[in-house]
N, C-alpha and C. Protein backbone atom coordinates (compact mmCIF):
# COMPACT_ATOMS: atom_id res chain seq x y z
N MET A 1 -12.27 41.14 28.78
CA MET A 1 -11.74 42.15 27.89
C MET A 1 -12.85 42.60 26.95
N ALA A 2 -12.95 43.86 26.74
CA ALA A 2 -14.00 44.41 25.89
C ALA A 2 -13.70 44.15 24.42
N GLN A 3 -14.75 44.03 23.65
CA GLN A 3 -14.61 43.84 22.21
C GLN A 3 -14.12 45.13 21.57
N LEU A 4 -13.19 45.00 20.64
CA LEU A 4 -12.71 46.16 19.90
C LEU A 4 -13.66 46.46 18.76
N LEU A 5 -13.87 47.73 18.49
CA LEU A 5 -14.68 48.13 17.35
C LEU A 5 -13.86 47.98 16.08
N ARG A 6 -14.55 47.96 14.94
CA ARG A 6 -13.87 47.70 13.68
C ARG A 6 -12.80 48.75 13.38
N TYR A 7 -13.10 50.03 13.64
CA TYR A 7 -12.10 51.06 13.35
C TYR A 7 -10.89 50.91 14.28
N GLN A 8 -11.12 50.44 15.51
CA GLN A 8 -10.00 50.23 16.42
C GLN A 8 -9.10 49.10 15.95
N ILE A 9 -9.71 48.06 15.39
CA ILE A 9 -8.92 46.95 14.85
C ILE A 9 -8.10 47.43 13.67
N PHE A 10 -8.71 48.22 12.77
CA PHE A 10 -7.98 48.72 11.61
C PHE A 10 -6.85 49.66 12.04
N LEU A 11 -7.11 50.50 13.04
CA LEU A 11 -6.05 51.39 13.53
C LEU A 11 -4.90 50.59 14.16
N LEU A 12 -5.24 49.56 14.90
CA LEU A 12 -4.22 48.72 15.53
C LEU A 12 -3.37 48.02 14.48
N ILE A 13 -4.03 47.40 13.51
CA ILE A 13 -3.30 46.71 12.45
C ILE A 13 -2.52 47.70 11.60
N GLY A 14 -3.13 48.87 11.32
CA GLY A 14 -2.45 49.88 10.51
C GLY A 14 -1.20 50.42 11.19
N SER A 15 -1.28 50.69 12.48
CA SER A 15 -0.10 51.19 13.19
C SER A 15 0.99 50.13 13.27
N ALA A 16 0.60 48.88 13.46
CA ALA A 16 1.60 47.80 13.46
C ALA A 16 2.25 47.66 12.09
N PHE A 17 1.45 47.80 11.02
CA PHE A 17 2.00 47.72 9.67
C PHE A 17 2.97 48.87 9.39
N ILE A 18 2.62 50.08 9.82
CA ILE A 18 3.51 51.23 9.59
C ILE A 18 4.82 51.05 10.35
N GLN A 19 4.76 50.53 11.56
CA GLN A 19 5.98 50.27 12.32
C GLN A 19 6.83 49.21 11.63
N PHE A 20 6.19 48.16 11.13
CA PHE A 20 6.92 47.11 10.40
C PHE A 20 7.56 47.68 9.14
N TRP A 21 6.83 48.55 8.43
CA TRP A 21 7.35 49.13 7.19
C TRP A 21 8.55 50.03 7.47
N ILE A 22 8.46 50.86 8.51
CA ILE A 22 9.57 51.75 8.85
C ILE A 22 10.80 50.95 9.26
N CYS A 23 10.60 49.89 10.04
CA CYS A 23 11.73 49.03 10.41
C CYS A 23 12.33 48.35 9.18
N SER A 24 11.49 47.96 8.24
CA SER A 24 11.99 47.34 7.02
C SER A 24 12.78 48.33 6.18
N LEU A 25 12.30 49.58 6.12
CA LEU A 25 13.05 50.61 5.39
C LEU A 25 14.40 50.88 6.04
N ASN A 26 14.43 50.93 7.36
CA ASN A 26 15.68 51.21 8.07
C ASN A 26 16.67 50.05 8.00
N ASN A 27 16.17 48.84 7.88
CA ASN A 27 17.05 47.66 7.90
C ASN A 27 17.04 46.92 6.57
N SER A 28 16.87 47.63 5.47
CA SER A 28 16.79 46.95 4.17
C SER A 28 18.11 46.26 3.81
N ASP A 29 19.23 46.82 4.25
CA ASP A 29 20.53 46.18 3.96
C ASP A 29 20.63 44.83 4.67
N ASN A 30 20.19 44.77 5.93
CA ASN A 30 20.22 43.50 6.67
C ASN A 30 19.27 42.48 6.04
N ILE A 31 18.14 42.95 5.56
CA ILE A 31 17.18 42.04 4.91
C ILE A 31 17.79 41.46 3.63
N LYS A 32 18.47 42.31 2.85
CA LYS A 32 19.11 41.83 1.62
C LYS A 32 20.20 40.81 1.93
N GLN A 33 21.01 41.08 2.97
CA GLN A 33 22.07 40.14 3.34
C GLN A 33 21.49 38.82 3.82
N THR A 34 20.43 38.86 4.58
CA THR A 34 19.80 37.64 5.09
C THR A 34 19.25 36.80 3.95
N ILE A 35 18.57 37.44 3.02
CA ILE A 35 18.00 36.69 1.90
C ILE A 35 19.09 36.15 1.00
N SER A 36 20.16 36.91 0.79
CA SER A 36 21.24 36.41 -0.05
C SER A 36 21.99 35.27 0.64
N SER A 37 22.07 35.29 1.97
CA SER A 37 22.74 34.19 2.67
C SER A 37 21.88 32.93 2.69
N ILE A 38 20.57 33.08 2.65
CA ILE A 38 19.69 31.91 2.61
C ILE A 38 19.81 31.21 1.27
N SER A 39 19.81 31.98 0.21
CA SER A 39 19.88 31.39 -1.13
C SER A 39 21.28 31.57 -1.69
N THR A 40 22.23 30.77 -1.18
CA THR A 40 23.63 30.91 -1.61
C THR A 40 23.87 30.29 -2.98
N THR A 41 23.19 29.20 -3.31
CA THR A 41 23.46 28.54 -4.59
C THR A 41 22.83 29.28 -5.75
N GLN A 42 21.62 29.73 -5.59
CA GLN A 42 20.96 30.49 -6.65
C GLN A 42 20.24 31.67 -6.04
N GLN A 43 20.25 32.74 -6.76
CA GLN A 43 19.64 33.95 -6.24
C GLN A 43 18.16 33.97 -6.63
N ILE A 44 17.30 33.73 -5.66
CA ILE A 44 15.87 33.66 -5.91
C ILE A 44 15.29 35.06 -6.12
N ILE A 45 15.62 35.97 -5.23
CA ILE A 45 15.12 37.34 -5.31
C ILE A 45 16.31 38.28 -5.39
N SER A 46 16.29 39.15 -6.37
CA SER A 46 17.39 40.10 -6.52
C SER A 46 17.26 41.23 -5.49
N PRO A 47 18.37 41.85 -5.14
CA PRO A 47 18.31 42.97 -4.19
C PRO A 47 17.46 44.13 -4.70
N ASN A 48 17.43 44.32 -6.00
CA ASN A 48 16.60 45.37 -6.59
C ASN A 48 15.12 45.09 -6.34
N THR A 49 14.72 43.84 -6.45
CA THR A 49 13.34 43.45 -6.20
C THR A 49 12.98 43.66 -4.74
N ILE A 50 13.91 43.37 -3.85
CA ILE A 50 13.67 43.57 -2.41
C ILE A 50 13.45 45.05 -2.12
N ASP A 51 14.27 45.92 -2.74
CA ASP A 51 14.08 47.36 -2.56
C ASP A 51 12.70 47.81 -3.01
N ILE A 52 12.26 47.32 -4.17
CA ILE A 52 10.95 47.69 -4.70
C ILE A 52 9.85 47.20 -3.78
N LEU A 53 9.96 45.96 -3.29
CA LEU A 53 8.94 45.42 -2.38
C LEU A 53 8.84 46.22 -1.10
N ILE A 54 9.98 46.63 -0.56
CA ILE A 54 9.96 47.37 0.70
C ILE A 54 9.44 48.79 0.49
N LYS A 55 9.90 49.45 -0.58
CA LYS A 55 9.49 50.84 -0.81
C LYS A 55 8.00 50.96 -1.07
N TYR A 56 7.45 50.03 -1.83
CA TYR A 56 6.04 50.12 -2.22
C TYR A 56 5.13 49.21 -1.40
N MET A 57 5.56 48.85 -0.22
CA MET A 57 4.76 47.98 0.65
C MET A 57 3.40 48.59 1.00
N PRO A 58 3.29 49.89 1.29
CA PRO A 58 1.96 50.46 1.59
C PRO A 58 1.00 50.38 0.40
N ILE A 59 1.51 50.54 -0.80
CA ILE A 59 0.66 50.43 -1.98
C ILE A 59 0.15 49.00 -2.12
N HIS A 60 1.03 48.04 -1.87
CA HIS A 60 0.60 46.64 -1.92
C HIS A 60 -0.45 46.37 -0.85
N ALA A 61 -0.29 46.95 0.32
CA ALA A 61 -1.25 46.76 1.41
C ALA A 61 -2.61 47.36 1.05
N ILE A 62 -2.61 48.53 0.42
CA ILE A 62 -3.87 49.16 0.01
C ILE A 62 -4.57 48.32 -1.04
N ILE A 63 -3.80 47.78 -1.98
CA ILE A 63 -4.39 46.91 -3.01
C ILE A 63 -4.99 45.66 -2.37
N LEU A 64 -4.27 45.06 -1.44
CA LEU A 64 -4.80 43.87 -0.76
C LEU A 64 -6.02 44.20 0.08
N LEU A 65 -6.05 45.37 0.70
CA LEU A 65 -7.22 45.79 1.46
C LEU A 65 -8.42 45.98 0.54
N GLY A 66 -8.19 46.53 -0.65
CA GLY A 66 -9.27 46.68 -1.63
C GLY A 66 -9.80 45.33 -2.11
N ILE A 67 -8.90 44.40 -2.34
CA ILE A 67 -9.32 43.06 -2.75
C ILE A 67 -10.13 42.39 -1.64
N TYR A 68 -9.67 42.56 -0.39
CA TYR A 68 -10.42 42.00 0.74
C TYR A 68 -11.81 42.62 0.84
N ALA A 69 -11.88 43.94 0.69
CA ALA A 69 -13.18 44.62 0.79
C ALA A 69 -14.11 44.16 -0.32
N LEU A 70 -13.60 44.05 -1.53
CA LEU A 70 -14.43 43.62 -2.65
C LEU A 70 -14.93 42.20 -2.46
N THR A 71 -14.05 41.30 -2.06
CA THR A 71 -14.49 39.91 -1.87
C THR A 71 -15.46 39.77 -0.70
N SER A 72 -15.25 40.54 0.37
CA SER A 72 -16.18 40.43 1.50
C SER A 72 -17.55 40.98 1.13
N VAL A 73 -17.61 42.06 0.36
CA VAL A 73 -18.90 42.60 -0.07
C VAL A 73 -19.59 41.62 -1.01
N LEU A 74 -18.84 41.07 -1.95
CA LEU A 74 -19.44 40.10 -2.88
C LEU A 74 -19.94 38.86 -2.15
N TYR A 75 -19.19 38.41 -1.15
CA TYR A 75 -19.62 37.24 -0.38
C TYR A 75 -20.89 37.54 0.40
N LYS A 76 -20.95 38.71 1.02
CA LYS A 76 -22.14 39.07 1.79
C LYS A 76 -23.36 39.22 0.89
N VAL A 77 -23.18 39.76 -0.31
CA VAL A 77 -24.29 39.88 -1.25
C VAL A 77 -24.74 38.50 -1.73
N ALA A 78 -23.77 37.62 -1.98
CA ALA A 78 -24.11 36.28 -2.49
C ALA A 78 -24.82 35.44 -1.44
N THR A 79 -24.52 35.66 -0.16
CA THR A 79 -25.13 34.85 0.90
C THR A 79 -26.20 35.60 1.66
N PHE A 80 -26.74 36.65 1.07
CA PHE A 80 -27.77 37.46 1.73
C PHE A 80 -29.03 36.63 1.91
N GLY A 81 -29.53 36.61 3.11
CA GLY A 81 -30.70 35.81 3.44
C GLY A 81 -32.00 36.52 3.12
N ASP A 82 -33.06 35.74 2.92
CA ASP A 82 -34.37 36.28 2.64
C ASP A 82 -35.12 36.45 3.95
N CYS A 83 -35.69 37.63 4.17
CA CYS A 83 -36.43 37.92 5.40
C CYS A 83 -37.91 38.04 5.06
N SER A 84 -38.58 36.91 4.95
CA SER A 84 -40.00 36.93 4.56
C SER A 84 -40.87 37.55 5.65
N ALA A 85 -40.52 37.35 6.91
CA ALA A 85 -41.31 37.93 8.01
C ALA A 85 -41.25 39.46 7.96
N ALA A 86 -40.09 40.00 7.64
CA ALA A 86 -39.96 41.46 7.54
C ALA A 86 -40.76 41.99 6.35
N GLY A 87 -40.83 41.21 5.27
CA GLY A 87 -41.62 41.62 4.11
C GLY A 87 -43.10 41.69 4.43
N VAL A 88 -43.60 40.71 5.17
CA VAL A 88 -45.01 40.70 5.57
C VAL A 88 -45.29 41.88 6.50
N GLU A 89 -44.40 42.14 7.43
CA GLU A 89 -44.57 43.26 8.36
C GLU A 89 -44.57 44.59 7.60
N LEU A 90 -43.70 44.73 6.61
CA LEU A 90 -43.66 45.95 5.82
C LEU A 90 -44.95 46.13 5.01
N SER A 91 -45.46 45.04 4.45
CA SER A 91 -46.72 45.12 3.70
C SER A 91 -47.86 45.56 4.61
N ASN A 92 -47.93 45.02 5.81
CA ASN A 92 -48.96 45.43 6.77
C ASN A 92 -48.81 46.91 7.15
N ASP A 93 -47.60 47.36 7.34
CA ASP A 93 -47.37 48.77 7.66
C ASP A 93 -47.81 49.68 6.52
N ILE A 94 -47.59 49.25 5.28
CA ILE A 94 -48.01 50.03 4.12
C ILE A 94 -49.53 50.12 4.06
N LEU A 95 -50.21 49.00 4.31
CA LEU A 95 -51.67 49.01 4.30
C LEU A 95 -52.23 49.92 5.40
N VAL A 96 -51.65 49.88 6.58
CA VAL A 96 -52.09 50.74 7.68
C VAL A 96 -51.87 52.20 7.33
N ALA A 97 -50.73 52.51 6.73
CA ALA A 97 -50.43 53.89 6.36
C ALA A 97 -51.39 54.38 5.28
N LYS A 98 -51.72 53.52 4.30
CA LYS A 98 -52.68 53.91 3.26
C LYS A 98 -54.05 54.21 3.86
N GLU A 99 -54.49 53.38 4.80
CA GLU A 99 -55.80 53.60 5.42
C GLU A 99 -55.81 54.90 6.23
N LYS A 100 -54.74 55.20 6.92
CA LYS A 100 -54.67 56.45 7.68
C LYS A 100 -54.68 57.66 6.73
N LEU A 101 -53.97 57.53 5.60
CA LEU A 101 -53.95 58.64 4.65
C LEU A 101 -55.30 58.81 3.96
N LYS A 102 -56.00 57.69 3.70
CA LYS A 102 -57.34 57.77 3.10
C LYS A 102 -58.30 58.46 4.06
N SER A 103 -58.17 58.15 5.34
CA SER A 103 -59.06 58.80 6.31
C SER A 103 -58.73 60.28 6.46
N ALA A 104 -57.49 60.67 6.08
CA ALA A 104 -57.11 62.07 6.14
C ALA A 104 -57.47 62.83 4.87
N GLY A 105 -57.96 62.10 3.85
CA GLY A 105 -58.44 62.77 2.64
C GLY A 105 -57.58 62.54 1.41
N PHE A 106 -56.54 61.75 1.50
CA PHE A 106 -55.72 61.46 0.33
C PHE A 106 -56.34 60.33 -0.48
N THR A 107 -56.14 60.37 -1.80
CA THR A 107 -56.66 59.28 -2.66
C THR A 107 -55.50 58.58 -3.35
N PHE A 108 -55.67 57.29 -3.52
CA PHE A 108 -54.64 56.47 -4.18
C PHE A 108 -55.22 55.76 -5.37
């Protein structure tokens, strides 16, 4: 099986999330009844809270995606490796370029 590209993974997860959200919107009454039947002795989550969670689920998903993006960028920056070989190669390229420009008549 071929590897999926990052945008394909996001599209796949996004379409699955939208389908889940639409099903949750259509069946919010069943969800409220199920949760109220689970917690018969004490009401843990009110039906009003369930409505708010279902209606604003995409906003919560966007916030969580932003938190994920921020933490992944911070982690990558914190664990960024040092490439000393690339630094030496870049210094050599700069010296070669300076010599070519000096031979062409430029002064530094």
